[in-house]
């Protein structure tokens, strides 16, 4: 995504199973490779993690 990923837009690198297609590759953006999972972010379930990401996207939406 040469111009960045807008809030609410699915990353083009996500597979149908929500895995990053360029994980570990040099072309992976710094914002992704620098993101380190933490208990606060991941919560106790996938739903918790998705809610946390939705809050981040809402907070950064133009």
N, C-alpha and C. Protein backbone atom coordinates (compact mmCIF):
# COMPACT_ATOMS: atom_id res chain seq x y z
N UNK A 1 0.86 -1.16 0.00
CA UNK A 1 0.00 0.00 0.00
C UNK A 1 0.91 1.24 0.00
N UNK A 2 1.29 1.70 -1.18
CA UNK A 2 2.29 2.76 -1.31
C UNK A 2 1.94 4.06 -0.59
N UNK A 3 0.67 4.36 -0.43
CA UNK A 3 0.28 5.60 0.25
C UNK A 3 -0.17 5.34 1.68
N UNK A 4 0.12 4.18 2.21
CA UNK A 4 -0.28 3.83 3.57
C UNK A 4 -1.66 3.20 3.58
N UNK A 5 -2.02 2.66 4.73
CA UNK A 5 -3.32 2.01 4.89
C UNK A 5 -4.23 2.93 5.68
N UNK A 6 -5.33 3.28 5.09
CA UNK A 6 -6.30 4.13 5.79
C UNK A 6 -7.02 3.32 6.86
N UNK A 7 -7.45 3.99 7.91
CA UNK A 7 -8.21 3.33 8.97
C UNK A 7 -9.45 2.68 8.37
N UNK A 8 -9.73 1.47 8.80
CA UNK A 8 -10.91 0.76 8.33
C UNK A 8 -10.73 0.02 7.03
N UNK A 9 -9.57 0.16 6.40
CA UNK A 9 -9.29 -0.53 5.13
C UNK A 9 -8.44 -1.75 5.43
N UNK A 10 -8.84 -2.87 4.91
CA UNK A 10 -8.09 -4.12 5.12
C UNK A 10 -6.75 -4.04 4.40
N UNK A 11 -5.71 -4.48 5.06
CA UNK A 11 -4.38 -4.50 4.46
C UNK A 11 -4.37 -5.47 3.28
N UNK A 12 -3.78 -5.06 2.19
CA UNK A 12 -3.74 -5.91 1.00
C UNK A 12 -2.85 -7.13 1.20
N UNK A 13 -2.01 -7.11 2.23
CA UNK A 13 -1.11 -8.23 2.48
C UNK A 13 -1.71 -9.31 3.38
N UNK A 14 -2.94 -9.11 3.85
CA UNK A 14 -3.58 -10.12 4.69
C UNK A 14 -4.15 -11.24 3.82
N UNK A 15 -3.86 -12.46 4.23
CA UNK A 15 -4.40 -13.62 3.51
C UNK A 15 -5.85 -13.85 3.93
N UNK A 16 -6.49 -14.81 3.31
CA UNK A 16 -7.88 -15.15 3.65
C UNK A 16 -7.99 -15.63 5.09
N UNK A 17 -6.87 -16.11 5.65
CA UNK A 17 -6.86 -16.57 7.04
C UNK A 17 -6.27 -15.51 7.99
N UNK A 18 -6.19 -14.27 7.50
CA UNK A 18 -5.71 -13.12 8.28
C UNK A 18 -4.25 -13.22 8.70
N UNK A 19 -3.44 -13.88 7.89
CA UNK A 19 -2.01 -13.93 8.14
C UNK A 19 -1.30 -12.97 7.19
N UNK A 20 -0.22 -12.38 7.66
CA UNK A 20 0.53 -11.44 6.84
C UNK A 20 1.31 -12.19 5.76
N UNK A 21 1.09 -11.82 4.52
CA UNK A 21 1.75 -12.48 3.39
C UNK A 21 3.23 -12.09 3.27
N UNK A 22 3.63 -11.00 3.94
CA UNK A 22 5.03 -10.57 3.84
C UNK A 22 5.72 -10.55 5.20
N UNK A 23 5.18 -11.32 6.15
CA UNK A 23 5.79 -11.41 7.48
C UNK A 23 7.24 -11.87 7.34
N UNK A 24 8.15 -11.15 7.98
CA UNK A 24 9.57 -11.52 7.94
C UNK A 24 10.30 -11.07 6.69
N UNK A 25 9.61 -10.46 5.76
CA UNK A 25 10.24 -10.00 4.51
C UNK A 25 10.72 -8.56 4.67
N UNK A 26 11.76 -8.17 3.95
CA UNK A 26 12.29 -6.81 4.08
C UNK A 26 11.31 -5.72 3.65
N UNK A 27 10.37 -6.05 2.78
CA UNK A 27 9.41 -5.03 2.31
C UNK A 27 8.26 -4.80 3.29
N UNK A 28 8.22 -5.57 4.39
CA UNK A 28 7.19 -5.36 5.40
C UNK A 28 7.38 -3.98 6.02
N UNK A 29 6.31 -3.18 6.08
CA UNK A 29 6.45 -1.81 6.60
C UNK A 29 6.94 -1.76 8.04
N UNK A 30 7.67 -0.70 8.37
CA UNK A 30 8.21 -0.54 9.71
C UNK A 30 7.11 -0.49 10.76
N UNK A 31 5.96 0.07 10.41
CA UNK A 31 4.88 0.15 11.40
C UNK A 31 4.38 -1.24 11.78
N UNK A 32 4.51 -2.19 10.89
CA UNK A 32 4.10 -3.57 11.19
C UNK A 32 5.22 -4.33 11.89
N UNK A 33 6.42 -4.25 11.34
CA UNK A 33 7.52 -5.03 11.92
C UNK A 33 7.92 -4.49 13.29
N UNK A 34 7.66 -3.22 13.55
CA UNK A 34 8.01 -2.63 14.84
C UNK A 34 6.94 -2.83 15.90
N UNK A 35 5.79 -3.32 15.51
CA UNK A 35 4.70 -3.53 16.47
C UNK A 35 4.96 -4.79 17.27
N UNK A 36 5.13 -4.63 18.57
CA UNK A 36 5.42 -5.76 19.45
C UNK A 36 4.17 -6.09 20.27
N UNK A 37 3.68 -7.31 20.17
CA UNK A 37 2.48 -7.69 20.93
C UNK A 37 2.70 -7.53 22.43
N UNK A 38 1.66 -7.11 23.11
CA UNK A 38 1.69 -6.97 24.56
C UNK A 38 0.34 -7.42 25.11
N UNK A 39 0.32 -7.77 26.38
CA UNK A 39 -0.94 -8.21 26.99
C UNK A 39 -2.04 -7.19 26.79
N UNK A 40 -1.70 -5.90 26.92
CA UNK A 40 -2.68 -4.83 26.74
C UNK A 40 -3.31 -4.89 25.34
N UNK A 41 -2.50 -5.16 24.35
CA UNK A 41 -2.96 -5.20 22.97
C UNK A 41 -3.74 -6.48 22.66
N UNK A 42 -3.22 -7.60 23.09
CA UNK A 42 -3.79 -8.89 22.70
C UNK A 42 -4.98 -9.31 23.55
N UNK A 43 -5.01 -8.88 24.80
CA UNK A 43 -6.10 -9.28 25.68
C UNK A 43 -6.11 -10.79 25.88
N UNK A 44 -7.28 -11.31 26.13
CA UNK A 44 -7.42 -12.73 26.42
C UNK A 44 -7.92 -13.54 25.22
N UNK A 45 -8.22 -12.84 24.12
CA UNK A 45 -8.79 -13.55 22.97
C UNK A 45 -8.57 -12.77 21.68
N UNK A 46 -8.88 -13.41 20.59
CA UNK A 46 -8.80 -12.75 19.28
C UNK A 46 -9.74 -11.55 19.22
N UNK A 47 -10.91 -11.69 19.81
CA UNK A 47 -11.89 -10.60 19.84
C UNK A 47 -11.30 -9.40 20.58
N UNK A 48 -10.64 -9.63 21.73
CA UNK A 48 -10.01 -8.54 22.48
C UNK A 48 -8.99 -7.81 21.60
N UNK A 49 -8.18 -8.58 20.88
CA UNK A 49 -7.15 -7.98 20.02
C UNK A 49 -7.78 -7.16 18.90
N UNK A 50 -8.83 -7.68 18.29
CA UNK A 50 -9.50 -6.95 17.21
C UNK A 50 -10.15 -5.67 17.72
N UNK A 51 -10.70 -5.70 18.92
CA UNK A 51 -11.29 -4.50 19.51
C UNK A 51 -10.22 -3.45 19.77
N UNK A 52 -9.06 -3.88 20.24
CA UNK A 52 -7.95 -2.96 20.49
C UNK A 52 -7.50 -2.30 19.18
N UNK A 53 -7.38 -3.11 18.13
CA UNK A 53 -6.99 -2.56 16.83
C UNK A 53 -8.04 -1.60 16.29
N UNK A 54 -9.31 -1.91 16.50
CA UNK A 54 -10.38 -1.02 16.05
C UNK A 54 -10.30 0.32 16.77
N UNK A 55 -9.96 0.31 18.05
CA UNK A 55 -9.80 1.57 18.81
C UNK A 55 -8.64 2.38 18.25
N UNK A 56 -7.53 1.70 17.92
CA UNK A 56 -6.39 2.40 17.34
C UNK A 56 -6.76 3.04 16.00
N UNK A 57 -7.46 2.29 15.17
CA UNK A 57 -7.86 2.82 13.87
C UNK A 57 -8.81 4.01 14.02
N UNK A 58 -9.74 3.92 14.96
CA UNK A 58 -10.67 5.03 15.18
C UNK A 58 -9.93 6.27 15.67
N UNK A 59 -8.93 6.07 16.51
CA UNK A 59 -8.18 7.19 17.05
C UNK A 59 -7.28 7.86 16.02
N UNK A 60 -6.93 7.13 14.97
CA UNK A 60 -6.01 7.69 13.96
C UNK A 60 -6.71 7.99 12.63
N UNK A 61 -8.01 7.80 12.60
CA UNK A 61 -8.74 8.06 11.36
C UNK A 61 -8.77 9.56 11.07
N UNK A 62 -8.47 9.93 9.82
CA UNK A 62 -8.46 11.37 9.49
C UNK A 62 -9.86 11.99 9.53
